[in-house]
Amino acid sequence: ILEFLQTKSREVPPFVFKKMVKILVDIAKQEWPNQFPELLPTIQQMTQNSELINVGLSILMTMCEEFISSRDDVSALRRDELKKVLDFICLIIYFKLSTNT
């Protein structure tokens, strides 16, 4: 999914793009970082590419929304772990938004 978003995100309708981002984040909620260690470095690289910055920021924003609202789909320990990651994600978003204005 991540590779598809990097290469073909402009070729799909916006609603399909949003659903693919949501699926990617749902996978990340369960598997990242142990089974998906390349996720954040890849997203960070995307935010540094003018053609992929919107894709990267969409993923980061969805991660923020989903990690905060995780309820019954993840354990309390996992939810706390995901919320700690939000600090890093928020820094990336802040930096990108402040340097692109």
C-alpha atoms as a PDB file:
ATOM      1  CA  ILE A   1       0.000   0.000   0.000  1.00  0.00           C
ATOM      2  CA  LEU A   2       2.788   2.401   0.907  1.00  0.00           C
ATOM      3  CA  GLU A   3       4.571   1.780  -2.387  1.00  0.00           C
ATOM      4  CA  PHE A   4       1.326   2.248  -4.304  1.00  0.00           C
ATOM      5  CA  LEU A   5       0.671   5.542  -2.543  1.00  0.00           C
ATOM      6  CA  GLN A   6       4.166   6.695  -3.456  1.00  0.00           C
ATOM      7  CA  THR A   7       3.873   5.815  -7.121  1.00  0.00           C
ATOM      8  CA  LYS A   8       0.220   5.929  -8.132  1.00  0.00           C
ATOM      9  CA  SER A   9      -1.649   8.112  -5.643  1.00  0.00           C
ATOM     10  CA  ARG A  10      -2.503  10.685  -8.323  1.00  0.00           C
ATOM     11  CA  GLU A  11      -4.116   8.026 -10.492  1.00  0.00           C
ATOM     12  CA  VAL A  12      -6.916   7.112  -8.079  1.00  0.00           C
ATOM     13  CA  PRO A  13      -9.989   9.101  -7.044  1.00  0.00           C
ATOM     14  CA  PRO A  14      -9.633  11.040  -3.762  1.00  0.00           C
ATOM     15  CA  PHE A  15     -11.984   8.721  -1.865  1.00  0.00           C
ATOM     16  CA  VAL A  16      -9.870   5.695  -2.864  1.00  0.00           C
ATOM     17  CA  PHE A  17      -6.713   7.533  -1.817  1.00  0.00           C
ATOM     18  CA  LYS A  18      -8.218   8.322   1.600  1.00  0.00           C
ATOM     19  CA  LYS A  19      -9.305   4.716   2.108  1.00  0.00           C
ATOM     20  CA  MET A  20      -5.845   3.433   1.193  1.00  0.00           C
ATOM     21  CA  VAL A  21      -4.254   5.844   3.668  1.00  0.00           C
ATOM     22  CA  LYS A  22      -6.704   4.650   6.345  1.00  0.00           C
ATOM     23  CA  ILE A  23      -5.862   1.004   5.634  1.00  0.00           C
ATOM     24  CA  LEU A  24      -2.143   1.789   5.833  1.00  0.00           C
ATOM     25  CA  VAL A  25      -2.624   3.497   9.203  1.00  0.00           C
ATOM     26  CA  ASP A  26      -4.775   0.618  10.479  1.00  0.00           C
ATOM     27  CA  ILE A  27      -1.940  -1.753   9.616  1.00  0.00           C
ATOM     28  CA  ALA A  28       0.530   0.565  11.332  1.00  0.00           C
ATOM     29  CA  LYS A  29      -1.589   0.599  14.496  1.00  0.00           C
ATOM     30  CA  GLN A  30      -1.102  -3.152  14.775  1.00  0.00           C
ATOM     31  CA  GLU A  31       2.274  -3.823  13.189  1.00  0.00           C
ATOM     32  CA  TRP A  32       4.458  -0.749  13.480  1.00  0.00           C
ATOM     33  CA  PRO A  33       7.363  -0.511  14.390  1.00  0.00           C
ATOM     34  CA  ASN A  34       8.194  -4.205  14.888  1.00  0.00           C
ATOM     35  CA  GLN A  35       6.874  -5.516  11.573  1.00  0.00           C
ATOM     36  CA  PHE A  36       6.910  -2.213   9.682  1.00  0.00           C
ATOM     37  CA  PRO A  37      10.089  -0.345  10.747  1.00  0.00           C
ATOM     38  CA  GLU A  38      10.470   1.515   7.459  1.00  0.00           C
ATOM     39  CA  LEU A  39       7.152   3.353   7.820  1.00  0.00           C
ATOM     40  CA  LEU A  40       8.215   6.615   9.470  1.00  0.00           C
ATOM     41  CA  PRO A  41      11.505   6.994   7.549  1.00  0.00           C
ATOM     42  CA  THR A  42       9.608   6.461   4.296  1.00  0.00           C
ATOM     43  CA  ILE A  43       6.924   8.969   5.221  1.00  0.00           C
ATOM     44  CA  GLN A  44       9.563  11.471   6.282  1.00  0.00           C
ATOM     45  CA  GLN A  45      11.262  11.070   2.883  1.00  0.00           C
ATOM     46  CA  MET A  46       7.908  11.623   1.211  1.00  0.00           C
ATOM     47  CA  THR A  47       7.460  14.924   3.050  1.00  0.00           C
ATOM     48  CA  GLN A  48      10.808  16.053   1.655  1.00  0.00           C
ATOM     49  CA  ASN A  49       9.718  15.391  -1.933  1.00  0.00           C
ATOM     50  CA  SER A  50       7.645  18.155  -3.530  1.00  0.00           C
ATOM     51  CA  GLU A  51       5.626  15.616  -5.527  1.00  0.00           C
ATOM     52  CA  LEU A  52       4.864  13.414  -2.506  1.00  0.00           C
ATOM     53  CA  ILE A  53       4.570  15.934   0.331  1.00  0.00           C
ATOM     54  CA  ASN A  54       0.765  15.883   0.245  1.00  0.00           C
ATOM     55  CA  VAL A  55       0.738  12.088   0.373  1.00  0.00           C
ATOM     56  CA  GLY A  56       3.170  12.050   3.304  1.00  0.00           C
ATOM     57  CA  LEU A  57       1.275  14.715   5.225  1.00  0.00           C
ATOM     58  CA  SER A  58      -2.037  12.926   4.592  1.00  0.00           C
ATOM     59  CA  ILE A  59      -0.598   9.762   6.095  1.00  0.00           C
ATOM     60  CA  LEU A  60       0.818  11.645   9.088  1.00  0.00           C
ATOM     61  CA  MET A  61      -2.450  13.473   9.742  1.00  0.00           C
ATOM     62  CA  THR A  62      -4.418  10.233   9.546  1.00  0.00           C
ATOM     63  CA  MET A  63      -1.930   8.599  11.918  1.00  0.00           C
ATOM     64  CA  CYS A  64      -2.499  11.420  14.398  1.00  0.00           C
ATOM     65  CA  GLU A  65      -6.269  11.108  14.158  1.00  0.00           C
ATOM     66  CA  GLU A  66      -6.309   7.333  14.380  1.00  0.00           C
ATOM     67  CA  PHE A  67      -3.649   6.931  17.052  1.00  0.00           C
ATOM     68  CA  ILE A  68      -5.481   9.362  19.332  1.00  0.00           C
ATOM     69  CA  SER A  69      -8.886   7.781  18.780  1.00  0.00           C
ATOM     70  CA  SER A  70      -7.761   4.156  19.159  1.00  0.00           C
ATOM     71  CA  ARG A  71     -10.254   2.521  21.440  1.00  0.00           C
ATOM     72  CA  ASP A  72     -11.041  -1.147  21.430  1.00  0.00           C
ATOM     73  CA  ASP A  73      -8.986  -2.065  18.385  1.00  0.00           C
ATOM     74  CA  VAL A  74      -5.687  -1.922  20.317  1.00  0.00           C
ATOM     75  CA  SER A  75      -4.654  -2.710  23.885  1.00  0.00           C
ATOM     76  CA  ALA A  76      -4.146   0.036  26.457  1.00  0.00           C
ATOM     77  CA  LEU A  77      -0.382  -0.552  26.393  1.00  0.00           C
ATOM     78  CA  ARG A  78      -0.289  -0.317  22.608  1.00  0.00           C
ATOM     79  CA  ARG A  79      -2.479   2.810  22.688  1.00  0.00           C
ATOM     80  CA  ASP A  80       0.000   4.483  25.058  1.00  0.00           C
ATOM     81  CA  GLU A  81       2.882   3.482  22.795  1.00  0.00           C
ATOM     82  CA  LEU A  82       1.128   4.955  19.757  1.00  0.00           C
ATOM     83  CA  LYS A  83       0.370   8.196  21.563  1.00  0.00           C
ATOM     84  CA  LYS A  84       4.074   8.639  22.346  1.00  0.00           C
ATOM     85  CA  VAL A  85       4.787   8.449  18.630  1.00  0.00           C
ATOM     86  CA  LEU A  86       2.470  11.393  18.096  1.00  0.00           C
ATOM     87  CA  ASP A  87       5.091  13.742  19.517  1.00  0.00           C
ATOM     88  CA  PHE A  88       7.452  12.821  16.706  1.00  0.00           C
ATOM     89  CA  ILE A  89       4.726  12.969  14.076  1.00  0.00           C
ATOM     90  CA  CYS A  90       3.575  16.375  15.276  1.00  0.00           C
ATOM     91  CA  LEU A  91       7.128  17.690  15.017  1.00  0.00           C
ATOM     92  CA  ILE A  92       7.374  16.532  11.415  1.00  0.00           C
ATOM     93  CA  ILE A  93       4.033  18.103  10.521  1.00  0.00           C
ATOM     94  CA  TYR A  94       4.889  21.366  12.270  1.00  0.00           C
ATOM     95  CA  PHE A  95       8.267  21.568  10.564  1.00  0.00           C
ATOM     96  CA  LYS A  96       6.803  20.832   7.135  1.00  0.00           C
ATOM     97  CA  LEU A  97       3.974  23.314   7.497  1.00  0.00           C
ATOM     98  CA  SER A  98       6.221  26.063   8.836  1.00  0.00           C
ATOM     99  CA  THR A  99       8.807  25.650   6.073  1.00  0.00           C
ATOM    100  CA  ASN A 100       6.283  25.440   3.231  1.00  0.00           C
ATOM    101  CA  THR A 101       4.488  28.718   3.950  1.00  0.00           C
END
